All heavy atoms as atom14 arrays in JSON, in Angstrom:
{
  "sequence": "QNFQSPMAKGAFLRGSGLNVATGRFTAPVGGIYQF",
  "atom14_mask": [
    [1, 1, 1, 1, 1, 1, 1, 1, 1, 0, 0, 0, 0, 0],
    [1, 1, 1, 1, 1, 1, 1, 1, 0, 0, 0, 0, 0, 0],
    [1, 1, 1, 1, 1, 1, 1, 1, 1, 1, 1, 0, 0, 0],
    [1, 1, 1, 1, 1, 1, 1, 1, 1, 0, 0, 0, 0, 0],
    [1, 1, 1, 1, 1, 1, 0, 0, 0, 0, 0, 0, 0, 0],
    [1, 1, 1, 1, 1, 1, 1, 0, 0, 0, 0, 0, 0, 0],
    [1, 1, 1, 1, 1, 1, 1, 1, 0, 0, 0, 0, 0, 0],
    [1, 1, 1, 1, 1, 0, 0, 0, 0, 0, 0, 0, 0, 0],
    [1, 1, 1, 1, 1, 1, 1, 1, 1, 0, 0, 0, 0, 0],
    [1, 1, 1, 1, 0, 0, 0, 0, 0, 0, 0, 0, 0, 0],
    [1, 1, 1, 1, 1, 0, 0, 0, 0, 0, 0, 0, 0, 0],
    [1, 1, 1, 1, 1, 1, 1, 1, 1, 1, 1, 0, 0, 0],
    [1, 1, 1, 1, 1, 1, 1, 1, 0, 0, 0, 0, 0, 0],
    [1, 1, 1, 1, 1, 1, 1, 1, 1, 1, 1, 0, 0, 0],
    [1, 1, 1, 1, 0, 0, 0, 0, 0, 0, 0, 0, 0, 0],
    [1, 1, 1, 1, 1, 1, 0, 0, 0, 0, 0, 0, 0, 0],
    [1, 1, 1, 1, 0, 0, 0, 0, 0, 0, 0, 0, 0, 0],
    [1, 1, 1, 1, 1, 1, 1, 1, 0, 0, 0, 0, 0, 0],
    [1, 1, 1, 1, 1, 1, 1, 1, 0, 0, 0, 0, 0, 0],
    [1, 1, 1, 1, 1, 1, 1, 0, 0, 0, 0, 0, 0, 0],
    [1, 1, 1, 1, 1, 0, 0, 0, 0, 0, 0, 0, 0, 0],
    [1, 1, 1, 1, 1, 1, 1, 0, 0, 0, 0, 0, 0, 0],
    [1, 1, 1, 1, 0, 0, 0, 0, 0, 0, 0, 0, 0, 0],
    [1, 1, 1, 1, 1, 1, 1, 1, 1, 1, 1, 0, 0, 0],
    [1, 1, 1, 1, 1, 1, 1, 1, 1, 1, 1, 0, 0, 0],
    [1, 1, 1, 1, 1, 1, 1, 0, 0, 0, 0, 0, 0, 0],
    [1, 1, 1, 1, 1, 0, 0, 0, 0, 0, 0, 0, 0, 0],
    [1, 1, 1, 1, 1, 1, 1, 0, 0, 0, 0, 0, 0, 0],
    [1, 1, 1, 1, 1, 1, 1, 0, 0, 0, 0, 0, 0, 0],
    [1, 1, 1, 1, 0, 0, 0, 0, 0, 0, 0, 0, 0, 0],
    [1, 1, 1, 1, 0, 0, 0, 0, 0, 0, 0, 0, 0, 0],
    [1, 1, 1, 1, 1, 1, 1, 1, 0, 0, 0, 0, 0, 0],
    [1, 1, 1, 1, 1, 1, 1, 1, 1, 1, 1, 1, 0, 0],
    [1, 1, 1, 1, 1, 1, 1, 1, 1, 0, 0, 0, 0, 0],
    [1, 1, 1, 1, 1, 1, 1, 1, 1, 1, 1, 0, 0, 0]
  ],
  "atom14_positions": [
    [[-9.07, -17.68, -14.18], [-10.16, -16.71, -14.03], [-10.84, -16.89, -12.68], [-10.41, -17.72, -11.88], [-11.17, -16.88, -15.17], [-10.59, -16.62, -16.56], [-11.62, -16.82, -17.66], [-12.73, -17.31, -17.42], [-11.26, -16.46, -18.89], [0.0, 0.0, 0.0], [0.0, 0.0, 0.0], [0.0, 0.0, 0.0], [0.0, 0.0, 0.0], [0.0, 0.0, 0.0]],
    [[-11.86, -16.07, -12.47], [-12.67, -16.15, -11.25], [-11.83, -15.82, -10.0], [-11.63, -16.65, -9.12], [-13.33, -17.53, -11.14], [-14.45, -17.53, -10.1], [-14.97, -16.47, -9.72], [-14.81, -18.72, -9.64], [0.0, 0.0, 0.0], [0.0, 0.0, 0.0], [0.0, 0.0, 0.0], [0.0, 0.0, 0.0], [0.0, 0.0, 0.0], [0.0, 0.0, 0.0]],
    [[-11.34, -14.58, -9.96], [-10.6, -14.09, -8.8], [-11.53, -13.28, -7.89], [-12.69, -12.98, -8.24], [-9.43, -13.2, -9.25], [-8.28, -13.97, -9.83], [-8.26, -14.34, -11.17], [-7.2, -14.33, -9.04], [-7.19, -15.03, -11.71], [-6.12, -15.02, -9.57], [-6.11, -15.37, -10.9], [0.0, 0.0, 0.0], [0.0, 0.0, 0.0], [0.0, 0.0, 0.0]],
    [[-11.0, -12.89, -6.72], [-11.73, -12.03, -5.79], [-10.72, -11.17, -5.03], [-9.56, -11.54, -4.88], [-12.54, -12.88, -4.81], [-11.69, -13.74, -3.89], [-12.5, -14.55, -2.91], [-13.72, -14.42, -2.85], [-11.84, -15.4, -2.14], [0.0, 0.0, 0.0], [0.0, 0.0, 0.0], [0.0, 0.0, 0.0], [0.0, 0.0, 0.0], [0.0, 0.0, 0.0]],
    [[-11.21, -10.01, -4.56], [-10.36, -9.13, -3.75], [-10.38, -9.62, -2.32], [-11.45, -9.86, -1.76], [-10.87, -7.69, -3.81], [-10.77, -7.19, -5.14], [0.0, 0.0, 0.0], [0.0, 0.0, 0.0], [0.0, 0.0, 0.0], [0.0, 0.0, 0.0], [0.0, 0.0, 0.0], [0.0, 0.0, 0.0], [0.0, 0.0, 0.0], [0.0, 0.0, 0.0]],
    [[-9.24, -9.79, -1.67], [-9.21, -10.27, -0.28], [-9.89, -9.27, 0.65], [-9.8, -8.05, 0.48], [-7.72, -10.4, 0.04], [-7.05, -10.44, -1.29], [-7.87, -9.62, -2.21], [0.0, 0.0, 0.0], [0.0, 0.0, 0.0], [0.0, 0.0, 0.0], [0.0, 0.0, 0.0], [0.0, 0.0, 0.0], [0.0, 0.0, 0.0], [0.0, 0.0, 0.0]],
    [[-10.58, -9.79, 1.66], [-11.25, -8.95, 2.63], [-10.36, -8.62, 3.82], [-10.69, -7.74, 4.62], [-12.52, -9.67, 3.14], [-13.51, -10.02, 2.02], [-14.05, -8.55, 1.1], [-14.89, -7.66, 2.39], [0.0, 0.0, 0.0], [0.0, 0.0, 0.0], [0.0, 0.0, 0.0], [0.0, 0.0, 0.0], [0.0, 0.0, 0.0], [0.0, 0.0, 0.0]],
    [[-9.27, -9.3, 3.95], [-8.38, -9.06, 5.09], [-7.66, -7.73, 4.93], [-7.53, -7.18, 3.82], [-7.37, -10.2, 5.23], [0.0, 0.0, 0.0], [0.0, 0.0, 0.0], [0.0, 0.0, 0.0], [0.0, 0.0, 0.0], [0.0, 0.0, 0.0], [0.0, 0.0, 0.0], [0.0, 0.0, 0.0], [0.0, 0.0, 0.0], [0.0, 0.0, 0.0]],
    [[-7.18, -7.19, 6.07], [-6.46, -5.92, 6.04], [-5.12, -6.1, 5.32], [-4.46, -7.13, 5.45], [-6.2, -5.43, 7.46], [-7.46, -4.99, 8.18], [-7.12, -4.44, 9.57], [-8.37, -3.97, 10.28], [-8.07, -3.42, 11.63], [0.0, 0.0, 0.0], [0.0, 0.0, 0.0], [0.0, 0.0, 0.0], [0.0, 0.0, 0.0], [0.0, 0.0, 0.0]],
    [[-4.73, -5.1, 4.58], [-3.49, -5.14, 3.81], [-3.72, -5.34, 2.34], [-2.85, -5.02, 1.53], [0.0, 0.0, 0.0], [0.0, 0.0, 0.0], [0.0, 0.0, 0.0], [0.0, 0.0, 0.0], [0.0, 0.0, 0.0], [0.0, 0.0, 0.0], [0.0, 0.0, 0.0], [0.0, 0.0, 0.0], [0.0, 0.0, 0.0], [0.0, 0.0, 0.0]],
    [[-4.88, -5.86, 1.95], [-5.2, -6.0, 0.53], [-5.58, -4.65, -0.05], [-6.03, -3.74, 0.67], [-6.33, -7.0, 0.35], [0.0, 0.0, 0.0], [0.0, 0.0, 0.0], [0.0, 0.0, 0.0], [0.0, 0.0, 0.0], [0.0, 0.0, 0.0], [0.0, 0.0, 0.0], [0.0, 0.0, 0.0], [0.0, 0.0, 0.0], [0.0, 0.0, 0.0]],
    [[-5.44, -4.48, -1.35], [-5.69, -3.19, -1.98], [-6.21, -3.39, -3.4], [-5.94, -4.41, -4.04], [-4.42, -2.34, -2.01], [-3.23, -3.02, -2.61], [-2.98, -2.95, -3.99], [-2.37, -3.77, -1.83], [-1.9, -3.59, -4.54], [-1.28, -4.42, -2.38], [-1.04, -4.33, -3.74], [0.0, 0.0, 0.0], [0.0, 0.0, 0.0], [0.0, 0.0, 0.0]],
    [[-6.95, -2.41, -3.87], [-7.47, -2.39, -5.23], [-7.68, -0.93, -5.62], [-8.6, -0.29, -5.14], [-8.78, -3.17, -5.36], [-9.43, -3.17, -6.75], [-8.48, -3.78, -7.79], [-10.76, -3.91, -6.71], [0.0, 0.0, 0.0], [0.0, 0.0, 0.0], [0.0, 0.0, 0.0], [0.0, 0.0, 0.0], [0.0, 0.0, 0.0], [0.0, 0.0, 0.0]],
    [[-6.79, -0.42, -6.44], [-6.86, 0.97, -6.87], [-7.01, 1.01, -8.39], [-6.36, 0.27, -9.11], [-5.6, 1.75, -6.46], [-5.5, 2.01, -4.98], [-4.35, 2.95, -4.66], [-4.25, 3.21, -3.24], [-3.33, 3.98, -2.68], [-2.43, 4.57, -3.45], [-3.31, 4.18, -1.38], [0.0, 0.0, 0.0], [0.0, 0.0, 0.0], [0.0, 0.0, 0.0]],
    [[-7.84, 1.92, -8.82], [-8.07, 2.04, -10.25], [-9.17, 1.09, -10.71], [-9.74, 0.32, -9.94], [0.0, 0.0, 0.0], [0.0, 0.0, 0.0], [0.0, 0.0, 0.0], [0.0, 0.0, 0.0], [0.0, 0.0, 0.0], [0.0, 0.0, 0.0], [0.0, 0.0, 0.0], [0.0, 0.0, 0.0], [0.0, 0.0, 0.0], [0.0, 0.0, 0.0]],
    [[-9.42, 1.15, -11.98], [-10.5, 0.33, -12.57], [-9.99, -0.62, -13.63], [-10.73, -1.08, -14.47], [-11.55, 1.26, -13.19], [-10.95, 2.08, -14.2], [0.0, 0.0, 0.0], [0.0, 0.0, 0.0], [0.0, 0.0, 0.0], [0.0, 0.0, 0.0], [0.0, 0.0, 0.0], [0.0, 0.0, 0.0], [0.0, 0.0, 0.0], [0.0, 0.0, 0.0]],
    [[-8.69, -0.94, -13.57], [-8.13, -1.78, -14.63], [-8.36, -3.26, -14.43], [-8.32, -4.02, -15.41], [0.0, 0.0, 0.0], [0.0, 0.0, 0.0], [0.0, 0.0, 0.0], [0.0, 0.0, 0.0], [0.0, 0.0, 0.0], [0.0, 0.0, 0.0], [0.0, 0.0, 0.0], [0.0, 0.0, 0.0], [0.0, 0.0, 0.0], [0.0, 0.0, 0.0]],
    [[-8.67, -3.73, -13.22], [-8.78, -5.16, -12.96], [-10.24, -5.62, -13.09], [-11.15, -5.0, -12.58], [-8.28, -5.48, -11.54], [-8.39, -6.94, -11.12], [-7.48, -7.83, -11.96], [-8.07, -7.08, -9.63], [0.0, 0.0, 0.0], [0.0, 0.0, 0.0], [0.0, 0.0, 0.0], [0.0, 0.0, 0.0], [0.0, 0.0, 0.0], [0.0, 0.0, 0.0]],
    [[-10.39, -6.76, -13.78], [-11.68, -7.46, -13.86], [-11.5, -8.78, -13.12], [-10.86, -9.71, -13.63], [-12.08, -7.7, -15.31], [-13.47, -8.27, -15.46], [-14.02, -8.87, -14.54], [-14.07, -8.1, -16.62], [0.0, 0.0, 0.0], [0.0, 0.0, 0.0], [0.0, 0.0, 0.0], [0.0, 0.0, 0.0], [0.0, 0.0, 0.0], [0.0, 0.0, 0.0]],
    [[-12.07, -8.88, -11.91], [-11.84, -10.07, -11.1], [-12.51, -11.3, -11.69], [-12.05, -12.44, -11.47], [-12.34, -9.81, -9.66], [-11.49, -8.77, -8.97], [-13.81, -9.42, -9.65], [0.0, 0.0, 0.0], [0.0, 0.0, 0.0], [0.0, 0.0, 0.0], [0.0, 0.0, 0.0], [0.0, 0.0, 0.0], [0.0, 0.0, 0.0], [0.0, 0.0, 0.0]],
    [[-13.57, -11.13, -12.46], [-14.26, -12.29, -13.04], [-13.4, -12.95, -14.11], [-13.28, -14.18, -14.16], [-15.6, -11.85, -13.62], [0.0, 0.0, 0.0], [0.0, 0.0, 0.0], [0.0, 0.0, 0.0], [0.0, 0.0, 0.0], [0.0, 0.0, 0.0], [0.0, 0.0, 0.0], [0.0, 0.0, 0.0], [0.0, 0.0, 0.0], [0.0, 0.0, 0.0]],
    [[-12.81, -12.16, -14.98], [-11.98, -12.71, -16.05], [-10.52, -12.87, -15.63], [-9.75, -13.56, -16.31], [-12.06, -11.82, -17.29], [-11.57, -10.51, -16.96], [-13.49, -11.71, -17.79], [0.0, 0.0, 0.0], [0.0, 0.0, 0.0], [0.0, 0.0, 0.0], [0.0, 0.0, 0.0], [0.0, 0.0, 0.0], [0.0, 0.0, 0.0], [0.0, 0.0, 0.0]],
    [[-10.12, -12.2, -14.53], [-8.73, -12.28, -14.09], [-7.8, -11.46, -14.96], [-6.57, -11.7, -14.93], [0.0, 0.0, 0.0], [0.0, 0.0, 0.0], [0.0, 0.0, 0.0], [0.0, 0.0, 0.0], [0.0, 0.0, 0.0], [0.0, 0.0, 0.0], [0.0, 0.0, 0.0], [0.0, 0.0, 0.0], [0.0, 0.0, 0.0], [0.0, 0.0, 0.0]],
    [[-8.33, -10.52, -15.71], [-7.51, -9.72, -16.63], [-7.37, -8.28, -16.1], [-8.35, -7.7, -15.62], [-8.12, -9.68, -18.02], [-8.15, -11.05, -18.71], [-8.78, -10.97, -20.08], [-8.74, -12.26, -20.77], [-9.22, -12.47, -22.0], [-9.82, -11.46, -22.65], [-9.13, -13.66, -22.55], [0.0, 0.0, 0.0], [0.0, 0.0, 0.0], [0.0, 0.0, 0.0]],
    [[-6.17, -7.74, -16.24], [-5.92, -6.35, -15.88], [-5.66, -5.58, -17.17], [-4.73, -5.9, -17.93], [-4.71, -6.22, -14.95], [-4.29, -4.8, -14.7], [-5.01, -3.99, -13.83], [-3.19, -4.26, -15.36], [-4.63, -2.67, -13.62], [-2.81, -2.95, -15.14], [-3.53, -2.14, -14.27], [0.0, 0.0, 0.0], [0.0, 0.0, 0.0], [0.0, 0.0, 0.0]],
    [[-6.47, -4.55, -17.42], [-6.34, -3.71, -18.61], [-5.66, -2.4, -18.22], [-6.11, -1.72, -17.28], [-7.72, -3.42, -19.21], [-8.38, -4.67, -19.49], [-7.6, -2.61, -20.48], [0.0, 0.0, 0.0], [0.0, 0.0, 0.0], [0.0, 0.0, 0.0], [0.0, 0.0, 0.0], [0.0, 0.0, 0.0], [0.0, 0.0, 0.0], [0.0, 0.0, 0.0]],
    [[-4.61, -2.06, -18.96], [-3.84, -0.85, -18.64], [-4.65, 0.38, -19.01], [-4.99, 0.56, -20.19], [-2.52, -0.87, -19.37], [0.0, 0.0, 0.0], [0.0, 0.0, 0.0], [0.0, 0.0, 0.0], [0.0, 0.0, 0.0], [0.0, 0.0, 0.0], [0.0, 0.0, 0.0], [0.0, 0.0, 0.0], [0.0, 0.0, 0.0], [0.0, 0.0, 0.0]],
    [[-4.96, 1.28, -18.05], [-5.67, 2.51, -18.39], [-4.79, 3.49, -19.15], [-5.27, 4.27, -19.96], [-6.12, 3.06, -17.04], [-5.13, 2.5, -16.07], [-4.71, 1.18, -16.6], [0.0, 0.0, 0.0], [0.0, 0.0, 0.0], [0.0, 0.0, 0.0], [0.0, 0.0, 0.0], [0.0, 0.0, 0.0], [0.0, 0.0, 0.0], [0.0, 0.0, 0.0]],
    [[-3.49, 3.48, -18.85], [-2.53, 4.36, -19.53], [-1.31, 3.53, -19.89], [-1.04, 2.49, -19.28], [-2.12, 5.55, -18.62], [-3.3, 6.48, -18.37], [-1.53, 5.05, -17.31], [0.0, 0.0, 0.0], [0.0, 0.0, 0.0], [0.0, 0.0, 0.0], [0.0, 0.0, 0.0], [0.0, 0.0, 0.0], [0.0, 0.0, 0.0], [0.0, 0.0, 0.0]],
    [[-0.61, 3.99, -20.89], [0.62, 3.3, -21.25], [1.71, 3.57, -20.23], [1.82, 4.66, -19.67], [0.0, 0.0, 0.0], [0.0, 0.0, 0.0], [0.0, 0.0, 0.0], [0.0, 0.0, 0.0], [0.0, 0.0, 0.0], [0.0, 0.0, 0.0], [0.0, 0.0, 0.0], [0.0, 0.0, 0.0], [0.0, 0.0, 0.0], [0.0, 0.0, 0.0]],
    [[2.54, 2.56, -19.97], [3.63, 2.73, -19.01], [4.26, 1.41, -18.63], [3.99, 0.37, -19.24], [0.0, 0.0, 0.0], [0.0, 0.0, 0.0], [0.0, 0.0, 0.0], [0.0, 0.0, 0.0], [0.0, 0.0, 0.0], [0.0, 0.0, 0.0], [0.0, 0.0, 0.0], [0.0, 0.0, 0.0], [0.0, 0.0, 0.0], [0.0, 0.0, 0.0]],
    [[5.14, 1.47, -17.63], [5.82, 0.29, -17.11], [5.02, -0.23, -15.93], [4.75, 0.5, -14.97], [7.26, 0.62, -16.69], [8.03, 1.25, -17.86], [7.97, -0.62, -16.18], [8.21, 0.34, -19.04], [0.0, 0.0, 0.0], [0.0, 0.0, 0.0], [0.0, 0.0, 0.0], [0.0, 0.0, 0.0], [0.0, 0.0, 0.0], [0.0, 0.0, 0.0]],
    [[4.67, -1.51, -15.98], [3.89, -2.14, -14.92], [4.69, -3.29, -14.32], [5.46, -3.98, -15.0], [2.56, -2.68, -15.46], [1.57, -1.61, -15.84], [1.66, -0.96, -17.06], [0.54, -1.25, -14.98], [0.76, 0.03, -17.43], [-0.37, -0.26, -15.33], [-0.25, 0.38, -16.55], [-1.16, 1.35, -16.89], [0.0, 0.0, 0.0], [0.0, 0.0, 0.0]],
    [[4.48, -3.48, -13.02], [5.1, -4.59, -12.31], [4.02, -5.6, -11.96], [2.99, -5.25, -11.4], [5.79, -4.09, -11.04], [6.35, -5.2, -10.16], [7.01, -4.65, -8.9], [7.81, -3.73, -8.98], [6.64, -5.21, -7.76], [0.0, 0.0, 0.0], [0.0, 0.0, 0.0], [0.0, 0.0, 0.0], [0.0, 0.0, 0.0], [0.0, 0.0, 0.0]],
    [[4.29, -6.9, -12.3], [3.34, -7.96, -12.03], [4.03, -9.1, -11.28], [5.25, -9.33, -11.45], [2.74, -8.52, -13.34], [1.94, -7.51, -14.11], [2.49, -6.87, -15.21], [0.64, -7.21, -13.75], [1.76, -5.94, -15.93], [-0.1, -6.29, -14.46], [0.46, -5.64, -15.55], [0.0, 0.0, 0.0], [0.0, 0.0, 0.0], [0.0, 0.0, 0.0]]
  ]
}
C-alpha cells in the first residue's frame, strides 16, 4: 500500500479506478485488463 503517481514525464493516470493510498485498482467496467 501507500503508492504515489510519479511526477516525472511519461507517467500517466487515466480513469478513477486506482486508489494510491490502498494500492488497489477497482475495475469500472468488466473486461480484460493487463497488469
